[in-house]
């Protein structure tokens, strides 16, 4: 199926071409809670999440180069991090932190089209004040997501990813 334009679920605007990002609103474990349990057990906004006052998550972007385009595909995902790293991020939230050292995290979303991605170890790199942290698979990782991040993906793979996310199941105009 050739999709020439789509309406973004976030901004409501029509965009030419195929989507180059896919995001999760919450870590999977928090999303799976009932409405009342989510209210009682978690605190969250678009960038930070705490579960049971003992588990901490930050939202970041894991970029995968698109080989036949001059852009990347971005997975907007959540990573579980230590309390200390979470608190450090909160303290630096409004500061440029490009030079801050990377810290460890664990992928907190199951990625469509990538078996066993949930729980994948990652590194979190803080950036400018106006951008979410960049997420990097470990250099030694042999997981398919890590290989895609290092080597990039073809247009055919990009299309397959969009199929896995359900993008092509929308009505004819992509809305």
C-alpha atoms as a PDB file:
ATOM      1  CA  UNK A   1       0.000   0.000   0.000  1.00  0.00           C
ATOM      2  CA  UNK A   2       1.417   3.384  -0.936  1.00  0.00           C
ATOM      3  CA  UNK A   3       0.564   6.072   1.621  1.00  0.00           C
ATOM      4  CA  UNK A   4       1.261   9.586   0.315  1.00  0.00           C
ATOM      5  CA  UNK A   5       0.207  11.541   3.405  1.00  0.00           C
ATOM      6  CA  UNK A   6      -1.085  10.992   6.925  1.00  0.00           C
ATOM      7  CA  UNK A   7      -2.767  12.928   9.711  1.00  0.00           C
ATOM      8  CA  UNK A   8      -0.650  12.971  12.852  1.00  0.00           C
ATOM      9  CA  UNK A   9      -2.376  11.620  15.981  1.00  0.00           C
ATOM     10  CA  UNK A  10      -0.440  14.100  18.131  1.00  0.00           C
ATOM     11  CA  UNK A  11      -0.693  17.423  16.292  1.00  0.00           C
ATOM     12  CA  UNK A  12      -3.707  16.704  14.066  1.00  0.00           C
ATOM     13  CA  UNK A  13      -1.873  18.103  11.035  1.00  0.00           C
ATOM     14  CA  UNK A  14      -1.600  16.415   7.645  1.00  0.00           C
ATOM     15  CA  UNK A  15       1.980  15.431   6.713  1.00  0.00           C
ATOM     16  CA  UNK A  16       3.381  14.262   3.392  1.00  0.00           C
ATOM     17  CA  UNK A  17       5.076  10.872   3.162  1.00  0.00           C
ATOM     18  CA  UNK A  18       5.137   8.110   5.749  1.00  0.00           C
ATOM     19  CA  UNK A  19       5.469   8.649   9.506  1.00  0.00           C
ATOM     20  CA  UNK A  20       9.034   8.672  10.761  1.00  0.00           C
ATOM     21  CA  UNK A  21       8.252   8.151  14.416  1.00  0.00           C
ATOM     22  CA  UNK A  22       6.130   6.072  16.729  1.00  0.00           C
ATOM     23  CA  UNK A  23       5.667   6.822  20.406  1.00  0.00           C
ATOM     24  CA  UNK A  24       4.313   5.313  23.585  1.00  0.00           C
ATOM     25  CA  UNK A  25       2.382   7.428  26.071  1.00  0.00           C
ATOM     26  CA  UNK A  26       3.439   5.357  29.111  1.00  0.00           C
ATOM     27  CA  UNK A  27       5.730   2.496  30.081  1.00  0.00           C
ATOM     28  CA  UNK A  28       3.936  -0.778  29.272  1.00  0.00           C
ATOM     29  CA  UNK A  29       3.633  -1.826  32.907  1.00  0.00           C
ATOM     30  CA  UNK A  30       1.945   1.452  33.869  1.00  0.00           C
ATOM     31  CA  UNK A  31      -0.269   1.425  30.784  1.00  0.00           C
ATOM     32  CA  UNK A  32      -1.472  -2.093  31.659  1.00  0.00           C
ATOM     33  CA  UNK A  33      -2.816  -0.966  35.046  1.00  0.00           C
ATOM     34  CA  UNK A  34      -6.516  -0.364  35.479  1.00  0.00           C
ATOM     35  CA  UNK A  35      -7.611   3.264  35.515  1.00  0.00           C
ATOM     36  CA  UNK A  36      -7.914   3.301  39.315  1.00  0.00           C
ATOM     37  CA  UNK A  37      -4.615   1.466  39.932  1.00  0.00           C
ATOM     38  CA  UNK A  38      -2.824   3.837  37.547  1.00  0.00           C
ATOM     39  CA  UNK A  39      -4.243   6.775  39.511  1.00  0.00           C
ATOM     40  CA  UNK A  40      -3.281   5.280  42.883  1.00  0.00           C
ATOM     41  CA  UNK A  41       0.133   3.844  42.021  1.00  0.00           C
ATOM     42  CA  UNK A  42       1.725   6.171  39.476  1.00  0.00           C
ATOM     43  CA  UNK A  43       2.655   9.755  38.771  1.00  0.00           C
ATOM     44  CA  UNK A  44       3.460  10.761  35.207  1.00  0.00           C
ATOM     45  CA  UNK A  45       3.592  13.444  32.591  1.00  0.00           C
ATOM     46  CA  UNK A  46       4.843  13.398  28.999  1.00  0.00           C
ATOM     47  CA  UNK A  47       8.491  12.991  30.074  1.00  0.00           C
ATOM     48  CA  UNK A  48       8.678  11.343  33.506  1.00  0.00           C
ATOM     49  CA  UNK A  49       6.918   8.509  35.294  1.00  0.00           C
ATOM     50  CA  UNK A  50       7.091   6.930  38.739  1.00  0.00           C
ATOM     51  CA  UNK A  51       5.440   3.656  39.702  1.00  0.00           C
ATOM     52  CA  UNK A  52       4.819   2.715  43.339  1.00  0.00           C
ATOM     53  CA  UNK A  53       7.260   5.448  44.423  1.00  0.00           C
ATOM     54  CA  UNK A  54      10.037   2.917  43.769  1.00  0.00           C
ATOM     55  CA  UNK A  55      10.373   2.568  39.997  1.00  0.00           C
ATOM     56  CA  UNK A  56      11.436   5.436  37.774  1.00  0.00           C
ATOM     57  CA  UNK A  57      11.070   6.001  34.036  1.00  0.00           C
ATOM     58  CA  UNK A  58      12.128   8.661  31.552  1.00  0.00           C
ATOM     59  CA  UNK A  59      10.883   9.079  28.017  1.00  0.00           C
ATOM     60  CA  UNK A  60      13.430   9.282  25.239  1.00  0.00           C
ATOM     61  CA  UNK A  61      13.965   8.709  21.549  1.00  0.00           C
ATOM     62  CA  UNK A  62      15.765   5.760  20.029  1.00  0.00           C
ATOM     63  CA  UNK A  63      16.757   6.825  16.513  1.00  0.00           C
ATOM     64  CA  UNK A  64      17.190   4.410  13.612  1.00  0.00           C
ATOM     65  CA  UNK A  65      18.673   5.775  10.340  1.00  0.00           C
ATOM     66  CA  UNK A  66      16.510   5.475   7.225  1.00  0.00           C
ATOM     67  CA  UNK A  67      18.982   4.397   4.549  1.00  0.00           C
ATOM     68  CA  UNK A  68      17.082   5.811   1.580  1.00  0.00           C
ATOM     69  CA  UNK A  69      16.208   9.132   3.208  1.00  0.00           C
ATOM     70  CA  UNK A  70      18.022  11.929   4.974  1.00  0.00           C
ATOM     71  CA  UNK A  71      16.282  11.356   8.261  1.00  0.00           C
ATOM     72  CA  UNK A  72      15.792   8.836  11.024  1.00  0.00           C
ATOM     73  CA  UNK A  73      12.903   6.797  12.321  1.00  0.00           C
ATOM     74  CA  UNK A  74      12.384   7.652  15.993  1.00  0.00           C
ATOM     75  CA  UNK A  75      10.959   5.279  18.565  1.00  0.00           C
ATOM     76  CA  UNK A  76       9.523   7.438  21.376  1.00  0.00           C
ATOM     77  CA  UNK A  77       9.929   4.965  24.219  1.00  0.00           C
ATOM     78  CA  UNK A  78      10.255   4.796  27.979  1.00  0.00           C
ATOM     79  CA  UNK A  79      13.264   3.469  29.849  1.00  0.00           C
ATOM     80  CA  UNK A  80      13.404   2.420  33.469  1.00  0.00           C
ATOM     81  CA  UNK A  81      16.308   4.080  35.267  1.00  0.00           C
ATOM     82  CA  UNK A  82      17.669   4.250  38.794  1.00  0.00           C
ATOM     83  CA  UNK A  83      16.227   6.729  41.282  1.00  0.00           C
ATOM     84  CA  UNK A  84      19.524   8.646  41.284  1.00  0.00           C
ATOM     85  CA  UNK A  85      19.614   8.972  37.470  1.00  0.00           C
ATOM     86  CA  UNK A  86      15.926   9.931  37.396  1.00  0.00           C
ATOM     87  CA  UNK A  87      16.486  12.623  40.016  1.00  0.00           C
ATOM     88  CA  UNK A  88      19.586  13.900  38.185  1.00  0.00           C
ATOM     89  CA  UNK A  89      17.546  14.203  34.992  1.00  0.00           C
ATOM     90  CA  UNK A  90      14.824  16.102  36.868  1.00  0.00           C
ATOM     91  CA  UNK A  91      17.424  18.529  38.273  1.00  0.00           C
ATOM     92  CA  UNK A  92      18.859  19.113  34.777  1.00  0.00           C
ATOM     93  CA  UNK A  93      15.506  19.117  32.963  1.00  0.00           C
ATOM     94  CA  UNK A  94      15.675  22.803  31.979  1.00  0.00           C
ATOM     95  CA  UNK A  95      19.431  22.858  31.379  1.00  0.00           C
ATOM     96  CA  UNK A  96      21.479  21.909  28.361  1.00  0.00           C
ATOM     97  CA  UNK A  97      23.066  18.602  29.320  1.00  0.00           C
ATOM     98  CA  UNK A  98      24.681  17.419  26.066  1.00  0.00           C
ATOM     99  CA  UNK A  99      27.970  16.812  27.845  1.00  0.00           C
ATOM    100  CA  UNK A 100      26.520  14.833  30.738  1.00  0.00           C
ATOM    101  CA  UNK A 101      27.707  11.218  30.861  1.00  0.00           C
ATOM    102  CA  UNK A 102      25.366   8.548  29.594  1.00  0.00           C
ATOM    103  CA  UNK A 103      23.587   6.442  32.179  1.00  0.00           C
ATOM    104  CA  UNK A 104      21.985   2.990  31.992  1.00  0.00           C
ATOM    105  CA  UNK A 105      18.345   2.249  31.394  1.00  0.00           C
ATOM    106  CA  UNK A 106      16.132  -0.666  30.466  1.00  0.00           C
ATOM    107  CA  UNK A 107      13.561  -0.458  27.675  1.00  0.00           C
ATOM    108  CA  UNK A 108      10.076  -0.332  29.237  1.00  0.00           C
ATOM    109  CA  UNK A 109       7.994  -0.791  26.061  1.00  0.00           C
ATOM    110  CA  UNK A 110       7.543  -3.777  23.782  1.00  0.00           C
ATOM    111  CA  UNK A 111       8.496  -2.534  20.316  1.00  0.00           C
ATOM    112  CA  UNK A 112       6.236  -3.654  17.445  1.00  0.00           C
ATOM    113  CA  UNK A 113       8.169  -5.822  15.021  1.00  0.00           C
ATOM    114  CA  UNK A 114      10.999  -6.480  17.495  1.00  0.00           C
ATOM    115  CA  UNK A 115      10.651  -9.632  19.567  1.00  0.00           C
ATOM    116  CA  UNK A 116      12.061  -9.543  23.097  1.00  0.00           C
ATOM    117  CA  UNK A 117      12.841  -5.812  22.994  1.00  0.00           C
ATOM    118  CA  UNK A 118      11.119  -5.177  26.341  1.00  0.00           C
ATOM    119  CA  UNK A 119      13.881  -5.162  28.955  1.00  0.00           C
ATOM    120  CA  UNK A 120      16.671  -4.444  26.467  1.00  0.00           C
ATOM    121  CA  UNK A 121      19.562  -2.595  28.163  1.00  0.00           C
ATOM    122  CA  UNK A 122      20.099   0.913  26.772  1.00  0.00           C
ATOM    123  CA  UNK A 123      22.174   3.990  27.457  1.00  0.00           C
ATOM    124  CA  UNK A 124      20.467   7.336  28.046  1.00  0.00           C
ATOM    125  CA  UNK A 125      22.131  10.506  26.725  1.00  0.00           C
ATOM    126  CA  UNK A 126      20.715  13.800  27.926  1.00  0.00           C
ATOM    127  CA  UNK A 127      20.669  16.595  25.390  1.00  0.00           C
ATOM    128  CA  UNK A 128      19.516  20.129  24.894  1.00  0.00           C
ATOM    129  CA  UNK A 129      16.784  21.581  27.042  1.00  0.00           C
ATOM    130  CA  UNK A 130      14.288  21.384  24.168  1.00  0.00           C
ATOM    131  CA  UNK A 131      14.777  17.722  23.309  1.00  0.00           C
ATOM    132  CA  UNK A 132      14.097  14.388  24.916  1.00  0.00           C
ATOM    133  CA  UNK A 133      17.050  12.192  25.842  1.00  0.00           C
ATOM    134  CA  UNK A 134      18.574  10.105  23.062  1.00  0.00           C
ATOM    135  CA  UNK A 135      18.600   6.366  23.684  1.00  0.00           C
ATOM    136  CA  UNK A 136      21.366   4.105  22.473  1.00  0.00           C
ATOM    137  CA  UNK A 137      21.518   0.333  22.310  1.00  0.00           C
ATOM    138  CA  UNK A 138      24.688  -1.084  23.805  1.00  0.00           C
ATOM    139  CA  UNK A 139      27.530  -1.374  21.294  1.00  0.00           C
ATOM    140  CA  UNK A 140      27.913  -5.113  21.928  1.00  0.00           C
ATOM    141  CA  UNK A 141      24.183  -5.875  21.643  1.00  0.00           C
ATOM    142  CA  UNK A 142      23.161  -8.372  18.970  1.00  0.00           C
ATOM    143  CA  UNK A 143      19.444  -7.612  19.318  1.00  0.00           C
ATOM    144  CA  UNK A 144      17.797  -6.722  15.980  1.00  0.00           C
ATOM    145  CA  UNK A 145      16.873  -3.254  17.279  1.00  0.00           C
ATOM    146  CA  UNK A 146      20.525  -2.562  18.137  1.00  0.00           C
ATOM    147  CA  UNK A 147      21.653  -3.731  14.705  1.00  0.00           C
ATOM    148  CA  UNK A 148      19.047  -1.497  13.050  1.00  0.00           C
ATOM    149  CA  UNK A 149      20.200   1.469  15.109  1.00  0.00           C
ATOM    150  CA  UNK A 150      23.820   0.878  14.076  1.00  0.00           C
ATOM    151  CA  UNK A 151      23.252  -0.032  10.414  1.00  0.00           C
ATOM    152  CA  UNK A 152      19.971   1.675   9.491  1.00  0.00           C
ATOM    153  CA  UNK A 153      16.871   0.295   7.800  1.00  0.00           C
ATOM    154  CA  UNK A 154      15.630   0.148   4.217  1.00  0.00           C
ATOM    155  CA  UNK A 155      12.409   1.693   2.956  1.00  0.00           C
ATOM    156  CA  UNK A 156      10.943  -1.826   2.863  1.00  0.00           C
ATOM    157  CA  UNK A 157      11.798  -2.380   6.558  1.00  0.00           C
ATOM    158  CA  UNK A 158      10.366   1.066   7.419  1.00  0.00           C
ATOM    159  CA  UNK A 159       7.127   0.006   5.714  1.00  0.00           C
ATOM    160  CA  UNK A 160       7.148  -3.316   7.636  1.00  0.00           C
ATOM    161  CA  UNK A 161       7.587  -1.426  10.924  1.00  0.00           C
ATOM    162  CA  UNK A 162       4.612   0.791  10.101  1.00  0.00           C
ATOM    163  CA  UNK A 163       2.577  -2.332   9.346  1.00  0.00           C
ATOM    164  CA  UNK A 164       3.529  -3.754  12.764  1.00  0.00           C
ATOM    165  CA  UNK A 165       2.399  -0.538  14.482  1.00  0.00           C
ATOM    166  CA  UNK A 166      -0.985  -0.758  12.765  1.00  0.00           C
ATOM    167  CA  UNK A 167      -0.466   2.409  10.749  1.00  0.00           C
ATOM    168  CA  UNK A 168      -1.966   1.006   7.550  1.00  0.00           C
ATOM    169  CA  UNK A 169      -5.102  -0.169   9.371  1.00  0.00           C
ATOM    170  CA  UNK A 170      -6.389   3.427   9.534  1.00  0.00           C
ATOM    171  CA  UNK A 171      -8.986   4.779   7.139  1.00  0.00           C
ATOM    172  CA  UNK A 172      -7.861   5.658   3.620  1.00  0.00           C
ATOM    173  CA  UNK A 173      -6.452   9.105   4.516  1.00  0.00           C
ATOM    174  CA  UNK A 174      -4.250   7.781   7.345  1.00  0.00           C
ATOM    175  CA  UNK A 175      -6.408   9.372  10.031  1.00  0.00           C
END
